[in-house]
Amino acid sequence: MNSNDVLTIVGCLLLGYAVVHLVLRKPTAPQPAPQPTPAPAPRAPETPRWCRVLELPSDASVEQIREAYRRLISQYHPDKVASLGRELRELAESKSKDIAIAYQEALQDRGDAPR
């Protein structure tokens, strides 16, 4: 057997492998076209900060705002938690300041001057 015979045998083996591979391979499903990315949904308007702090809806009346302010300011008054420790007193002071600021913002938003 000479080198030409070896090359012929190798060529036939490669050709046979290629034919078998093409015939026996599993057909692949066609790839779907890439879908365009949908446009982002419109964002709902963010609720005002005072709504979250005073725990009220954005359409609350001035009277509801005043009632919520009075309820929360009495609940978080620093003198009520003074006996529970310095950390809670500082936390209550911070929360009551935040409530007072939110109350002013709410009344300004409603066009009513704070009393």
PDB file of N, CA and C in Angstrom:
ATOM      1  N   MET A   1       0.844  -1.147   0.000  1.00  0.00           N
ATOM      2  CA  MET A   1       0.000   0.000   0.000  1.00  0.00           C
ATOM      3  C   MET A   1       0.905   1.229   0.000  1.00  0.00           C
ATOM      4  N   ASN A   2       0.656   2.098  -0.937  1.00  0.00           N
ATOM      5  CA  ASN A   2       1.482   3.293  -1.035  1.00  0.00           C
ATOM      6  C   ASN A   2       0.743   4.494  -0.446  1.00  0.00           C
ATOM      7  N   SER A   3       1.357   5.660  -0.496  1.00  0.00           N
ATOM      8  CA  SER A   3       0.808   6.855   0.141  1.00  0.00           C
ATOM      9  C   SER A   3      -0.466   7.335  -0.557  1.00  0.00           C
ATOM     10  N   ASN A   4      -0.589   7.076  -1.862  1.00  0.00           N
ATOM     11  CA  ASN A   4      -1.806   7.468  -2.569  1.00  0.00           C
ATOM     12  C   ASN A   4      -3.006   6.671  -2.076  1.00  0.00           C
ATOM     13  N   ASP A   5      -2.767   5.381  -1.800  1.00  0.00           N
ATOM     14  CA  ASP A   5      -3.854   4.552  -1.289  1.00  0.00           C
ATOM     15  C   ASP A   5      -4.316   5.036   0.096  1.00  0.00           C
ATOM     16  N   VAL A   6      -3.352   5.434   0.929  1.00  0.00           N
ATOM     17  CA  VAL A   6      -3.675   5.919   2.269  1.00  0.00           C
ATOM     18  C   VAL A   6      -4.491   7.215   2.173  1.00  0.00           C
ATOM     19  N   LEU A   7      -4.063   8.095   1.282  1.00  0.00           N
ATOM     20  CA  LEU A   7      -4.792   9.348   1.108  1.00  0.00           C
ATOM     21  C   LEU A   7      -6.194   9.098   0.574  1.00  0.00           C
ATOM     22  N   THR A   8      -6.360   8.132  -0.306  1.00  0.00           N
ATOM     23  CA  THR A   8      -7.661   7.809  -0.844  1.00  0.00           C
ATOM     24  C   THR A   8      -8.571   7.255   0.247  1.00  0.00           C
ATOM     25  N   ILE A   9      -8.024   6.382   1.075  1.00  0.00           N
ATOM     26  CA  ILE A   9      -8.818   5.802   2.161  1.00  0.00           C
ATOM     27  C   ILE A   9      -9.222   6.884   3.157  1.00  0.00           C
ATOM     28  N   VAL A  10      -8.285   7.749   3.533  1.00  0.00           N
ATOM     29  CA  VAL A  10      -8.586   8.824   4.475  1.00  0.00           C
ATOM     30  C   VAL A  10      -9.615   9.771   3.868  1.00  0.00           C
ATOM     31  N   GLY A  11      -9.489  10.089   2.622  1.00  0.00           N
ATOM     32  CA  GLY A  11     -10.448  10.969   1.963  1.00  0.00           C
ATOM     33  C   GLY A  11     -11.844  10.359   1.940  1.00  0.00           C
ATOM     34  N   CYS A  12     -11.909   9.044   1.642  1.00  0.00           N
ATOM     35  CA  CYS A  12     -13.215   8.372   1.627  1.00  0.00           C
ATOM     36  C   CYS A  12     -13.830   8.353   3.019  1.00  0.00           C
ATOM     37  N   LEU A  13     -13.007   8.124   4.041  1.00  0.00           N
ATOM     38  CA  LEU A  13     -13.511   8.123   5.410  1.00  0.00           C
ATOM     39  C   LEU A  13     -14.058   9.505   5.794  1.00  0.00           C
ATOM     40  N   LEU A  14     -13.326  10.544   5.445  1.00  0.00           N
ATOM     41  CA  LEU A  14     -13.782  11.897   5.744  1.00  0.00           C
ATOM     42  C   LEU A  14     -15.063  12.222   4.987  1.00  0.00           C
ATOM     43  N   LEU A  15     -15.107  11.826   3.731  1.00  0.00           N
ATOM     44  CA  LEU A  15     -16.300  12.075   2.945  1.00  0.00           C
ATOM     45  C   LEU A  15     -17.483  11.289   3.500  1.00  0.00           C
ATOM     46  N   GLY A  16     -17.244  10.041   3.887  1.00  0.00           N
ATOM     47  CA  GLY A  16     -18.306   9.221   4.473  1.00  0.00           C
ATOM     48  C   GLY A  16     -18.794   9.816   5.791  1.00  0.00           C
ATOM     49  N   TYR A  17     -17.865  10.283   6.585  1.00  0.00           N
ATOM     50  CA  TYR A  17     -18.245  10.908   7.854  1.00  0.00           C
ATOM     51  C   TYR A  17     -19.101  12.141   7.607  1.00  0.00           C
ATOM     52  N   ALA A  18     -18.719  12.948   6.622  1.00  0.00           N
ATOM     53  CA  ALA A  18     -19.467  14.164   6.326  1.00  0.00           C
ATOM     54  C   ALA A  18     -20.868  13.827   5.840  1.00  0.00           C
ATOM     55  N   VAL A  19     -21.001  12.809   4.994  1.00  0.00           N
ATOM     56  CA  VAL A  19     -22.312  12.423   4.474  1.00  0.00           C
ATOM     57  C   VAL A  19     -23.181  11.891   5.608  1.00  0.00           C
ATOM     58  N   VAL A  20     -22.620  11.014   6.439  1.00  0.00           N
ATOM     59  CA  VAL A  20     -23.387  10.454   7.545  1.00  0.00           C
ATOM     60  C   VAL A  20     -23.790  11.568   8.508  1.00  0.00           C
ATOM     61  N   HIS A  21     -22.900  12.467   8.773  1.00  0.00           N
ATOM     62  CA  HIS A  21     -23.189  13.564   9.693  1.00  0.00           C
ATOM     63  C   HIS A  21     -24.317  14.443   9.154  1.00  0.00           C
ATOM     64  N   LEU A  22     -24.306  14.745   7.886  1.00  0.00           N
ATOM     65  CA  LEU A  22     -25.356  15.578   7.299  1.00  0.00           C
ATOM     66  C   LEU A  22     -26.687  14.853   7.239  1.00  0.00           C
ATOM     67  N   VAL A  23     -26.672  13.549   6.980  1.00  0.00           N
ATOM     68  CA  VAL A  23     -27.905  12.798   6.851  1.00  0.00           C
ATOM     69  C   VAL A  23     -28.516  12.508   8.213  1.00  0.00           C
ATOM     70  N   LEU A  24     -27.705  12.172   9.190  1.00  0.00           N
ATOM     71  CA  LEU A  24     -28.211  11.734  10.482  1.00  0.00           C
ATOM     72  C   LEU A  24     -28.390  12.863  11.513  1.00  0.00           C
ATOM     73  N   ARG A  25     -27.905  14.002  11.220  1.00  0.00           N
ATOM     74  CA  ARG A  25     -28.036  15.070  12.229  1.00  0.00           C
ATOM     75  C   ARG A  25     -29.498  15.462  12.396  1.00  0.00           C
ATOM     76  N   LYS A  26     -29.826  15.895  13.600  1.00  0.00           N
ATOM     77  CA  LYS A  26     -31.189  16.303  13.893  1.00  0.00           C
ATOM     78  C   LYS A  26     -31.432  17.672  13.282  1.00  0.00           C
ATOM     79  N   PRO A  27     -32.561  17.818  12.635  1.00  0.00           N
ATOM     80  CA  PRO A  27     -32.836  19.149  12.068  1.00  0.00           C
ATOM     81  C   PRO A  27     -33.097  20.133  13.214  1.00  0.00           C
ATOM     82  N   THR A  28     -32.552  21.278  13.080  1.00  0.00           N
ATOM     83  CA  THR A  28     -32.751  22.302  14.097  1.00  0.00           C
ATOM     84  C   THR A  28     -33.956  23.145  13.720  1.00  0.00           C
ATOM     85  N   ALA A  29     -34.673  23.550  14.730  1.00  0.00           N
ATOM     86  CA  ALA A  29     -35.834  24.400  14.492  1.00  0.00           C
ATOM     87  C   ALA A  29     -35.347  25.770  14.042  1.00  0.00           C
ATOM     88  N   PRO A  30     -36.087  26.388  13.158  1.00  0.00           N
ATOM     89  CA  PRO A  30     -35.650  27.720  12.735  1.00  0.00           C
ATOM     90  C   PRO A  30     -35.704  28.689  13.918  1.00  0.00           C
ATOM     91  N   GLN A  31     -34.711  29.491  13.994  1.00  0.00           N
ATOM     92  CA  GLN A  31     -34.633  30.459  15.081  1.00  0.00           C
ATOM     93  C   GLN A  31     -35.629  31.581  14.835  1.00  0.00           C
ATOM     94  N   PRO A  32     -36.447  31.903  15.850  1.00  0.00           N
ATOM     95  CA  PRO A  32     -37.399  32.999  15.659  1.00  0.00           C
ATOM     96  C   PRO A  32     -36.659  34.331  15.562  1.00  0.00           C
ATOM     97  N   ALA A  33     -37.279  35.206  14.840  1.00  0.00           N
ATOM     98  CA  ALA A  33     -36.682  36.538  14.706  1.00  0.00           C
ATOM     99  C   ALA A  33     -36.712  37.231  16.069  1.00  0.00           C
ATOM    100  N   PRO A  34     -35.690  37.969  16.390  1.00  0.00           N
ATOM    101  CA  PRO A  34     -35.689  38.644  17.695  1.00  0.00           C
ATOM    102  C   PRO A  34     -36.835  39.639  17.788  1.00  0.00           C
ATOM    103  N   GLN A  35     -37.535  39.562  18.908  1.00  0.00           N
ATOM    104  CA  GLN A  35     -38.678  40.450  19.131  1.00  0.00           C
ATOM    105  C   GLN A  35     -38.174  41.819  19.572  1.00  0.00           C
ATOM    106  N   PRO A  36     -38.788  42.859  19.083  1.00  0.00           N
ATOM    107  CA  PRO A  36     -38.369  44.186  19.548  1.00  0.00           C
ATOM    108  C   PRO A  36     -38.736  44.346  21.026  1.00  0.00           C
ATOM    109  N   THR A  37     -37.899  45.030  21.743  1.00  0.00           N
ATOM    110  CA  THR A  37     -38.168  45.237  23.164  1.00  0.00           C
ATOM    111  C   THR A  37     -39.376  46.155  23.317  1.00  0.00           C
ATOM    112  N   PRO A  38     -40.288  45.782  24.192  1.00  0.00           N
ATOM    113  CA  PRO A  38     -41.471  46.623  24.354  1.00  0.00           C
ATOM    114  C   PRO A  38     -41.115  47.951  25.011  1.00  0.00           C
ATOM    115  N   ALA A  39     -41.876  48.936  24.695  1.00  0.00           N
ATOM    116  CA  ALA A  39     -41.647  50.257  25.293  1.00  0.00           C
ATOM    117  C   ALA A  39     -41.976  50.180  26.777  1.00  0.00           C
ATOM    118  N   PRO A  40     -41.216  50.869  27.598  1.00  0.00           N
ATOM    119  CA  PRO A  40     -41.505  50.811  29.029  1.00  0.00           C
ATOM    120  C   PRO A  40     -42.887  51.385  29.334  1.00  0.00           C
ATOM    121  N   ALA A  41     -43.519  50.770  30.308  1.00  0.00           N
ATOM    122  CA  ALA A  41     -44.861  51.223  30.696  1.00  0.00           C
ATOM    123  C   ALA A  41     -44.757  52.619  31.303  1.00  0.00           C
ATOM    124  N   PRO A  42     -45.737  53.443  31.062  1.00  0.00           N
ATOM    125  CA  PRO A  42     -45.677  54.783  31.647  1.00  0.00           C
ATOM    126  C   PRO A  42     -45.712  54.681  33.170  1.00  0.00           C
ATOM    127  N   ARG A  43     -44.870  55.459  33.811  1.00  0.00           N
ATOM    128  CA  ARG A  43     -44.775  55.432  35.268  1.00  0.00           C
ATOM    129  C   ARG A  43     -45.897  56.257  35.875  1.00  0.00           C
ATOM    130  N   ALA A  44     -46.419  55.708  36.932  1.00  0.00           N
ATOM    131  CA  ALA A  44     -47.453  56.438  37.660  1.00  0.00           C
ATOM    132  C   ALA A  44     -46.788  57.614  38.366  1.00  0.00           C
ATOM    133  N   PRO A  45     -47.485  58.712  38.480  1.00  0.00           N
ATOM    134  CA  PRO A  45     -46.873  59.838  39.171  1.00  0.00           C
ATOM    135  C   PRO A  45     -46.557  59.463  40.617  1.00  0.00           C
ATOM    136  N   GLU A  46     -45.403  59.891  41.050  1.00  0.00           N
ATOM    137  CA  GLU A  46     -44.961  59.545  42.398  1.00  0.00           C
ATOM    138  C   GLU A  46     -45.808  60.282  43.430  1.00  0.00           C
ATOM    139  N   THR A  47     -46.157  59.559  44.478  1.00  0.00           N
ATOM    140  CA  THR A  47     -46.954  60.195  45.526  1.00  0.00           C
ATOM    141  C   THR A  47     -46.075  61.170  46.297  1.00  0.00           C
ATOM    142  N   PRO A  48     -46.644  62.256  46.726  1.00  0.00           N
ATOM    143  CA  PRO A  48     -45.855  63.232  47.480  1.00  0.00           C
ATOM    144  C   PRO A  48     -45.327  62.624  48.773  1.00  0.00           C
ATOM    145  N   ARG A  49     -44.219  63.140  49.238  1.00  0.00           N
ATOM    146  CA  ARG A  49     -43.568  62.654  50.446  1.00  0.00           C
ATOM    147  C   ARG A  49     -44.495  62.749  51.645  1.00  0.00           C
ATOM    148  N   TRP A  50     -45.258  63.831  51.721  1.00  0.00           N
ATOM    149  CA  TRP A  50     -46.115  64.023  52.884  1.00  0.00           C
ATOM    150  C   TRP A  50     -47.188  62.953  52.975  1.00  0.00           C
ATOM    151  N   CYS A  51     -47.589  62.384  51.846  1.00  0.00           N
ATOM    152  CA  CYS A  51     -48.582  61.309  51.867  1.00  0.00           C
ATOM    153  C   CYS A  51     -48.032  60.080  52.583  1.00  0.00           C
ATOM    154  N   ARG A  52     -46.778  59.749  52.307  1.00  0.00           N
ATOM    155  CA  ARG A  52     -46.176  58.590  52.954  1.00  0.00           C
ATOM    156  C   ARG A  52     -45.949  58.838  54.434  1.00  0.00           C
ATOM    157  N   VAL A  53     -45.478  60.029  54.791  1.00  0.00           N
ATOM    158  CA  VAL A  53     -45.170  60.327  56.187  1.00  0.00           C
ATOM    159  C   VAL A  53     -46.443  60.420  57.023  1.00  0.00           C
ATOM    160  N   LEU A  54     -47.447  61.103  56.512  1.00  0.00           N
ATOM    161  CA  LEU A  54     -48.691  61.282  57.260  1.00  0.00           C
ATOM    162  C   LEU A  54     -49.671  60.125  57.060  1.00  0.00           C
ATOM    163  N   GLU A  55     -49.280  59.152  56.222  1.00  0.00           N
ATOM    164  CA  GLU A  55     -50.079  57.957  55.973  1.00  0.00           C
ATOM    165  C   GLU A  55     -51.471  58.319  55.444  1.00  0.00           C
ATOM    166  N   LEU A  56     -51.498  59.171  54.430  1.00  0.00           N
ATOM    167  CA  LEU A  56     -52.747  59.657  53.846  1.00  0.00           C
ATOM    168  C   LEU A  56     -52.716  59.500  52.331  1.00  0.00           C
ATOM    169  N   PRO A  57     -53.895  59.437  51.695  1.00  0.00           N
ATOM    170  CA  PRO A  57     -53.919  59.464  50.234  1.00  0.00           C
ATOM    171  C   PRO A  57     -53.626  60.881  49.733  1.00  0.00           C
ATOM    172  N   SER A  58     -53.249  60.990  48.487  1.00  0.00           N
ATOM    173  CA  SER A  58     -52.876  62.304  47.953  1.00  0.00           C
ATOM    174  C   SER A  58     -54.067  63.248  47.810  1.00  0.00           C
ATOM    175  N   ASP A  59     -55.271  62.725  47.855  1.00  0.00           N
ATOM    176  CA  ASP A  59     -56.447  63.591  47.748  1.00  0.00           C
ATOM    177  C   ASP A  59     -57.077  63.890  49.113  1.00  0.00           C
ATOM    178  N   ALA A  60     -56.299  63.781  50.169  1.00  0.00           N
ATOM    179  CA  ALA A  60     -56.819  64.029  51.518  1.00  0.00           C
ATOM    180  C   ALA A  60     -57.176  65.501  51.694  1.00  0.00           C
ATOM    181  N   SER A  61     -58.214  65.737  52.479  1.00  0.00           N
ATOM    182  CA  SER A  61     -58.643  67.108  52.737  1.00  0.00           C
ATOM    183  C   SER A  61     -57.751  67.733  53.805  1.00  0.00           C
ATOM    184  N   VAL A  62     -57.866  69.045  53.957  1.00  0.00           N
ATOM    185  CA  VAL A  62     -57.069  69.766  54.951  1.00  0.00           C
ATOM    186  C   VAL A  62     -57.407  69.258  56.351  1.00  0.00           C
ATOM    187  N   GLU A  63     -58.664  68.965  56.591  1.00  0.00           N
ATOM    188  CA  GLU A  63     -59.069  68.457  57.909  1.00  0.00           C
ATOM    189  C   GLU A  63     -58.459  67.077  58.180  1.00  0.00           C
ATOM    190  N   GLN A  64     -58.423  66.219  57.163  1.00  0.00           N
ATOM    191  CA  GLN A  64     -57.801  64.906  57.319  1.00  0.00           C
ATOM    192  C   GLN A  64     -56.306  65.043  57.578  1.00  0.00           C
ATOM    193  N   ILE A  65     -55.685  66.011  56.925  1.00  0.00           N
ATOM    194  CA  ILE A  65     -54.255  66.249  57.125  1.00  0.00           C
ATOM    195  C   ILE A  65     -54.001  66.687  58.567  1.00  0.00           C
ATOM    196  N   ARG A  66     -54.824  67.596  59.067  1.00  0.00           N
ATOM    197  CA  ARG A  66     -54.653  68.075  60.447  1.00  0.00           C
ATOM    198  C   ARG A  66     -54.878  66.952  61.456  1.00  0.00           C
ATOM    199  N   GLU A  67     -55.883  66.120  61.215  1.00  0.00           N
ATOM    200  CA  GLU A  67     -56.145  65.007  62.131  1.00  0.00           C
ATOM    201  C   GLU A  67     -54.983  64.018  62.147  1.00  0.00           C
ATOM    202  N   ALA A  68     -54.450  63.695  60.959  1.00  0.00           N
ATOM    203  CA  ALA A  68     -53.327  62.773  60.883  1.00  0.00           C
ATOM    204  C   ALA A  68     -52.099  63.362  61.565  1.00  0.00           C
ATOM    205  N   TYR A  69     -51.877  64.664  61.363  1.00  0.00           N
ATOM    206  CA  TYR A  69     -50.745  65.327  62.013  1.00  0.00           C
ATOM    207  C   TYR A  69     -50.873  65.240  63.533  1.00  0.00           C
ATOM    208  N   ARG A  70     -52.028  65.556  64.054  1.00  0.00           N
ATOM    209  CA  ARG A  70     -52.226  65.530  65.507  1.00  0.00           C
ATOM    210  C   ARG A  70     -52.061  64.115  66.069  1.00  0.00           C
ATOM    211  N   ARG A  71     -52.587  63.150  65.345  1.00  0.00           N
ATOM    212  CA  ARG A  71     -52.477  61.760  65.798  1.00  0.00           C
ATOM    213  C   ARG A  71     -51.015  61.302  65.820  1.00  0.00           C
ATOM    214  N   LEU A  72     -50.307  61.561  64.749  1.00  0.00           N
ATOM    215  CA  LEU A  72     -48.922  61.095  64.649  1.00  0.00           C
ATOM    216  C   LEU A  72     -47.979  61.869  65.560  1.00  0.00           C
ATOM    217  N   ILE A  73     -48.185  63.179  65.685  1.00  0.00           N
ATOM    218  CA  ILE A  73     -47.284  63.973  66.512  1.00  0.00           C
ATOM    219  C   ILE A  73     -47.451  63.593  67.986  1.00  0.00           C
ATOM    220  N   SER A  74     -48.677  63.238  68.378  1.00  0.00           N
ATOM    221  CA  SER A  74     -48.857  62.800  69.773  1.00  0.00           C
ATOM    222  C   SER A  74     -48.291  61.393  69.975  1.00  0.00           C
ATOM    223  N   GLN A  75     -48.354  60.566  68.944  1.00  0.00           N
ATOM    224  CA  GLN A  75     -47.825  59.201  69.032  1.00  0.00           C
ATOM    225  C   GLN A  75     -46.295  59.210  69.123  1.00  0.00           C
ATOM    226  N   TYR A  76     -45.643  60.087  68.381  1.00  0.00           N
ATOM    227  CA  TYR A  76     -44.177  60.109  68.336  1.00  0.00           C
ATOM    228  C   TYR A  76     -43.579  61.259  69.143  1.00  0.00           C
ATOM    229  N   HIS A  77     -44.307  61.800  70.068  1.00  0.00           N
ATOM    230  CA  HIS A  77     -43.776  62.911  70.862  1.00  0.00           C
ATOM    231  C   HIS A  77     -42.622  62.401  71.721  1.00  0.00           C
ATOM    232  N   PRO A  78     -41.468  63.103  71.725  1.00  0.00           N
ATOM    233  CA  PRO A  78     -40.293  62.625  72.461  1.00  0.00           C
ATOM    234  C   PRO A  78     -40.538  62.462  73.959  1.00  0.00           C
ATOM    235  N   ASP A  79     -41.403  63.259  74.557  1.00  0.00           N
ATOM    236  CA  ASP A  79     -41.654  63.137  75.989  1.00  0.00           C
ATOM    237  C   ASP A  79     -42.377  61.842  76.340  1.00  0.00           C
ATOM    238  N   LYS A  80     -43.126  61.269  75.396  1.00  0.00           N
ATOM    239  CA  LYS A  80     -43.838  60.021  75.657  1.00  0.00           C
ATOM    240  C   LYS A  80     -42.895  58.831  75.728  1.00  0.00           C
ATOM    241  N   VAL A  81     -41.776  58.898  75.038  1.00  0.00           N
ATOM    242  CA  VAL A  81     -40.834  57.776  75.026  1.00  0.00           C
ATOM    243  C   VAL A  81     -39.566  58.075  75.808  1.00  0.00           C
ATOM    244  N   ALA A  82     -39.546  59.161  76.545  1.00  0.00           N
ATOM    245  CA  ALA A  82     -38.337  59.553  77.281  1.00  0.00           C
ATOM    246  C   ALA A  82     -37.913  58.485  78.276  1.00  0.00           C
ATOM    247  N   SER A  83     -38.864  57.815  78.885  1.00  0.00           N
ATOM    248  CA  SER A  83     -38.526  56.810  79.891  1.00  0.00           C
ATOM    249  C   SER A  83     -37.997  55.519  79.268  1.00  0.00           C
ATOM    250  N   LEU A  84     -38.112  55.349  77.973  1.00  0.00           N
ATOM    251  CA  LEU A  84     -37.674  54.124  77.303  1.00  0.00           C
ATOM    252  C   LEU A  84     -36.222  54.159  76.854  1.00  0.00           C
ATOM    253  N   GLY A  85     -35.570  55.286  77.030  1.00  0.00           N
ATOM    254  CA  GLY A  85     -34.151  55.355  76.681  1.00  0.00           C
ATOM    255  C   GLY A  85     -33.843  56.482  75.720  1.00  0.00           C
ATOM    256  N   ARG A  86     -32.549  56.804  75.690  1.00  0.00           N
ATOM    257  CA  ARG A  86     -32.092  57.924  74.876  1.00  0.00           C
ATOM    258  C   ARG A  86     -32.242  57.659  73.380  1.00  0.00           C
ATOM    259  N   GLU A  87     -31.951  56.417  72.959  1.00  0.00           N
ATOM    260  CA  GLU A  87     -32.034  56.101  71.523  1.00  0.00           C
ATOM    261  C   GLU A  87     -33.463  56.265  70.998  1.00  0.00           C
ATOM    262  N   LEU A  88     -34.418  55.779  71.765  1.00  0.00           N
ATOM    263  CA  LEU A  88     -35.812  55.922  71.324  1.00  0.00           C
ATOM    264  C   LEU A  88     -36.261  57.379  71.364  1.00  0.00           C
ATOM    265  N   ARG A  89     -35.755  58.125  72.315  1.00  0.00           N
ATOM    266  CA  ARG A  89     -36.101  59.549  72.383  1.00  0.00           C
ATOM    267  C   ARG A  89     -35.567  60.274  71.142  1.00  0.00           C
ATOM    268  N   GLU A  90     -34.318  59.984  70.759  1.00  0.00           N
ATOM    269  CA  GLU A  90     -33.735  60.607  69.567  1.00  0.00           C
ATOM    270  C   GLU A  90     -34.496  60.190  68.311  1.00  0.00           C
ATOM    271  N   LEU A  91     -34.898  58.928  68.253  1.00  0.00           N
ATOM    272  CA  LEU A  91     -35.666  58.453  67.107  1.00  0.00           C
ATOM    273  C   LEU A  91     -37.025  59.161  67.050  1.00  0.00           C
ATOM    274  N   ALA A  92     -37.659  59.346  68.200  1.00  0.00           N
ATOM    275  CA  ALA A  92     -38.950  60.029  68.248  1.00  0.00           C
ATOM    276  C   ALA A  92     -38.800  61.499  67.860  1.00  0.00           C
ATOM    277  N   GLU A  93     -37.709  62.142  68.288  1.00  0.00           N
ATOM    278  CA  GLU A  93     -37.467  63.536  67.898  1.00  0.00           C
ATOM    279  C   GLU A  93     -37.329  63.647  66.390  1.00  0.00           C
ATOM    280  N   SER A  94     -36.567  62.731  65.810  1.00  0.00           N
ATOM    281  CA  SER A  94     -36.373  62.744  64.353  1.00  0.00           C
ATOM    282  C   SER A  94     -37.699  62.519  63.623  1.00  0.00           C
ATOM    283  N   LYS A  95     -38.470  61.558  64.105  1.00  0.00           N
ATOM    284  CA  LYS A  95     -39.746  61.257  63.462  1.00  0.00           C
ATOM    285  C   LYS A  95     -40.726  62.421  63.616  1.00  0.00           C
ATOM    286  N   SER A  96     -40.758  63.064  64.774  1.00  0.00           N
ATOM    287  CA  SER A  96     -41.691  64.176  64.971  1.00  0.00           C
ATOM    288  C   SER A  96     -41.298  65.378  64.114  1.00  0.00           C
ATOM    289  N   LYS A  97     -40.000  65.608  63.914  1.00  0.00           N
ATOM    290  CA  LYS A  97     -39.559  66.681  63.007  1.00  0.00           C
ATOM    291  C   LYS A  97     -39.994  66.368  61.574  1.00  0.00           C
ATOM    292  N   ASP A  98     -39.852  65.103  61.193  1.00  0.00           N
ATOM    293  CA  ASP A  98     -40.258  64.684  59.848  1.00  0.00           C
ATOM    294  C   ASP A  98     -41.764  64.859  59.666  1.00  0.00           C
ATOM    295  N   ILE A  99     -42.532  64.553  60.681  1.00  0.00           N
ATOM    296  CA  ILE A  99     -43.989  64.714  60.622  1.00  0.00           C
ATOM    297  C   ILE A  99     -44.351  66.192  60.492  1.00  0.00           C
ATOM    298  N   ALA A 100     -43.667  67.048  61.249  1.00  0.00           N
ATOM    299  CA  ALA A 100     -43.949  68.486  61.193  1.00  0.00           C
ATOM    300  C   ALA A 100     -43.640  69.053  59.809  1.00  0.00           C
ATOM    301  N   ILE A 101     -42.529  68.632  59.234  1.00  0.00           N
ATOM    302  CA  ILE A 101     -42.158  69.104  57.887  1.00  0.00           C
ATOM    303  C   ILE A 101     -43.184  68.612  56.858  1.00  0.00           C
ATOM    304  N   ALA A 102     -43.586  67.354  56.971  1.00  0.00           N
ATOM    305  CA  ALA A 102     -44.576  66.803  56.042  1.00  0.00           C
ATOM    306  C   ALA A 102     -45.910  67.530  56.179  1.00  0.00           C
ATOM    307  N   TYR A 103     -46.268  67.896  57.393  1.00  0.00           N
ATOM    308  CA  TYR A 103     -47.517  68.638  57.627  1.00  0.00           C
ATOM    309  C   TYR A 103     -47.465  69.988  56.913  1.00  0.00           C
ATOM    310  N   GLN A 104     -46.340  70.691  57.025  1.00  0.00           N
ATOM    311  CA  GLN A 104     -46.192  71.982  56.347  1.00  0.00           C
ATOM    312  C   GLN A 104     -46.255  71.808  54.829  1.00  0.00           C
ATOM    313  N   GLU A 105     -45.584  70.764  54.327  1.00  0.00           N
ATOM    314  CA  GLU A 105     -45.621  70.505  52.878  1.00  0.00           C
ATOM    315  C   GLU A 105     -47.042  70.211  52.406  1.00  0.00           C
ATOM    316  N   ALA A 106     -47.783  69.445  53.197  1.00  0.00           N
ATOM    317  CA  ALA A 106     -49.149  69.085  52.814  1.00  0.00           C
ATOM    318  C   ALA A 106     -50.040  70.317  52.763  1.00  0.00           C
ATOM    319  N   LEU A 107     -49.910  71.179  53.757  1.00  0.00           N
ATOM    320  CA  LEU A 107     -50.747  72.380  53.766  1.00  0.00           C
ATOM    321  C   LEU A 107     -50.360  73.332  52.635  1.00  0.00           C
ATOM    322  N   GLN A 108     -49.078  73.429  52.340  1.00  0.00           N
ATOM    323  CA  GLN A 108     -48.647  74.256  51.205  1.00  0.00           C
ATOM    324  C   GLN A 108     -49.180  73.682  49.888  1.00  0.00           C
ATOM    325  N   ASP A 109     -49.175  72.344  49.807  1.00  0.00           N
ATOM    326  CA  ASP A 109     -49.687  71.697  48.604  1.00  0.00           C
ATOM    327  C   ASP A 109     -51.183  71.946  48.441  1.00  0.00           C
ATOM    328  N   ARG A 110     -51.882  72.047  49.522  1.00  0.00           N
ATOM    329  CA  ARG A 110     -53.315  72.316  49.501  1.00  0.00           C
ATOM    330  C   ARG A 110     -53.629  73.804  49.432  1.00  0.00           C
ATOM    331  N   GLY A 111     -52.614  74.650  49.551  1.00  0.00           N
ATOM    332  CA  GLY A 111     -52.826  76.084  49.473  1.00  0.00           C
ATOM    333  C   GLY A 111     -53.327  76.682  50.769  1.00  0.00           C
ATOM    334  N   ASP A 112     -53.131  75.971  51.873  1.00  0.00           N
ATOM    335  CA  ASP A 112     -53.570  76.442  53.177  1.00  0.00           C
ATOM    336  C   ASP A 112     -52.319  76.718  54.011  1.00  0.00           C
ATOM    337  N   ALA A 113     -52.268  77.883  54.639  1.00  0.00           N
ATOM    338  CA  ALA A 113     -51.102  78.245  55.449  1.00  0.00           C
ATOM    339  C   ALA A 113     -51.141  77.464  56.758  1.00  0.00           C
ATOM    340  N   PRO A 114     -49.963  76.970  57.231  1.00  0.00           N
ATOM    341  CA  PRO A 114     -49.932  76.260  58.514  1.00  0.00           C
ATOM    342  C   PRO A 114     -50.282  77.182  59.664  1.00  0.00           C
ATOM    343  N   ARG A 115     -50.988  76.642  60.633  1.00  0.00           N
ATOM    344  CA  ARG A 115     -51.375  77.439  61.798  1.00  0.00           C
ATOM    345  C   ARG A 115     -50.290  77.419  62.837  1.00  0.00           C
TER     346      ARG A 115
END
